[in-house]
Amino acid sequence: MIINVSKAKANLSKLIDMAYHGEEVIIAKNNLPLVELVIHKPKAKRKLGLLAGQISIPDNFMDEDEEINAMFYGEHS
């Protein structure tokens, strides 16, 4: 079903119900199809800890490196 924006505004609840029940609903502007109403499909939640036990972070990871500091901030006399 293709319906223009002005009619879609007046019948939005009905159109949502139609899309929910599997009907194809396309909203058009000046008879040019623009958007299709589809059922929302939630994205899967991200899983934390996928790399647990597969990588190791050294104890001195957060320590500053004088050579790198010199490159960023310049030599301190």
Protein backbone atom coordinates (compact mmCIF):
# COMPACT_ATOMS: atom_id res chain seq x y z
CA MET A 1 0.00 0.00 0.00
CA ILE A 2 1.37 3.42 -0.96
CA ILE A 3 -0.12 6.40 0.88
CA ASN A 4 0.74 10.09 0.68
CA VAL A 5 2.07 11.95 3.72
CA SER A 6 -1.10 13.97 4.32
CA LYS A 7 -3.26 10.83 4.53
CA ALA A 8 -0.56 9.03 6.53
CA LYS A 9 -0.68 11.76 9.19
CA ALA A 10 -4.41 11.25 9.64
CA ASN A 11 -4.15 7.43 9.69
CA LEU A 12 -0.82 6.79 11.40
CA SER A 13 -2.16 4.44 14.07
CA LYS A 14 -3.95 2.36 11.45
CA LEU A 15 -0.83 2.25 9.24
CA ILE A 16 1.36 1.17 12.16
CA ASP A 17 -1.06 -1.62 12.95
CA MET A 18 -1.05 -2.73 9.32
CA ALA A 19 2.77 -2.81 9.22
CA TYR A 20 2.83 -4.68 12.52
CA HIS A 21 0.61 -7.36 11.03
CA GLY A 22 2.90 -7.83 8.03
CA GLU A 23 1.41 -5.56 5.40
CA GLU A 24 3.71 -3.44 3.25
CA VAL A 25 3.13 0.26 3.98
CA ILE A 26 5.01 2.89 1.98
CA ILE A 27 4.65 6.60 2.63
CA ALA A 28 5.02 8.86 -0.40
CA LYS A 29 5.31 12.57 -1.05
CA ASN A 30 3.77 13.86 -4.29
CA ASN A 31 3.23 10.19 -5.23
CA LEU A 32 6.99 9.52 -4.95
CA PRO A 33 7.68 6.66 -2.49
CA LEU A 34 9.95 7.89 0.32
CA VAL A 35 9.84 5.58 3.32
CA GLU A 36 8.58 2.16 4.28
CA LEU A 37 7.04 1.36 7.66
CA VAL A 38 8.66 -1.75 9.11
CA ILE A 39 8.57 -3.51 12.46
CA HIS A 40 11.39 -2.52 14.81
CA LYS A 41 13.87 -5.33 15.42
CA PRO A 42 16.02 -4.66 18.51
CA LYS A 43 19.74 -5.12 18.07
CA ALA A 44 21.38 -7.84 20.12
CA LYS A 45 23.07 -6.65 23.29
CA ARG A 46 26.85 -6.53 23.23
CA LYS A 47 28.59 -9.27 25.14
CA LEU A 48 31.32 -8.13 27.50
CA GLY A 49 34.47 -10.14 28.01
CA LEU A 50 34.75 -11.71 24.56
CA LEU A 51 38.55 -11.51 24.72
CA ALA A 52 38.89 -12.58 28.36
CA GLY A 53 41.95 -14.80 28.71
CA GLN A 54 43.09 -14.13 25.13
CA ILE A 55 45.14 -10.98 25.72
CA SER A 56 47.47 -9.87 28.46
CA ILE A 57 48.10 -6.30 29.55
CA PRO A 58 51.48 -5.65 31.17
CA ASP A 59 51.58 -4.25 34.69
CA ASN A 60 53.43 -1.14 33.49
CA PHE A 61 50.81 -0.34 30.82
CA MET A 62 49.94 3.04 32.38
CA ASP A 63 53.54 4.05 33.14
CA GLU A 64 54.86 7.10 31.30
CA ASP A 65 57.67 6.74 28.78
CA GLU A 66 60.20 9.61 28.78
CA GLU A 67 60.99 9.18 25.06
CA ILE A 68 57.33 9.41 24.07
CA ASN A 69 56.78 12.38 26.40
CA ALA A 70 59.73 14.14 24.72
CA MET A 71 58.13 13.57 21.29
CA PHE A 72 54.81 15.07 22.41
CA TYR A 73 55.89 17.79 24.83
CA GLY A 74 59.46 18.54 23.72
CA GLU A 75 62.71 18.16 25.61
CA HIS A 76 62.77 19.60 29.11
CA SER A 77 66.09 21.15 30.07
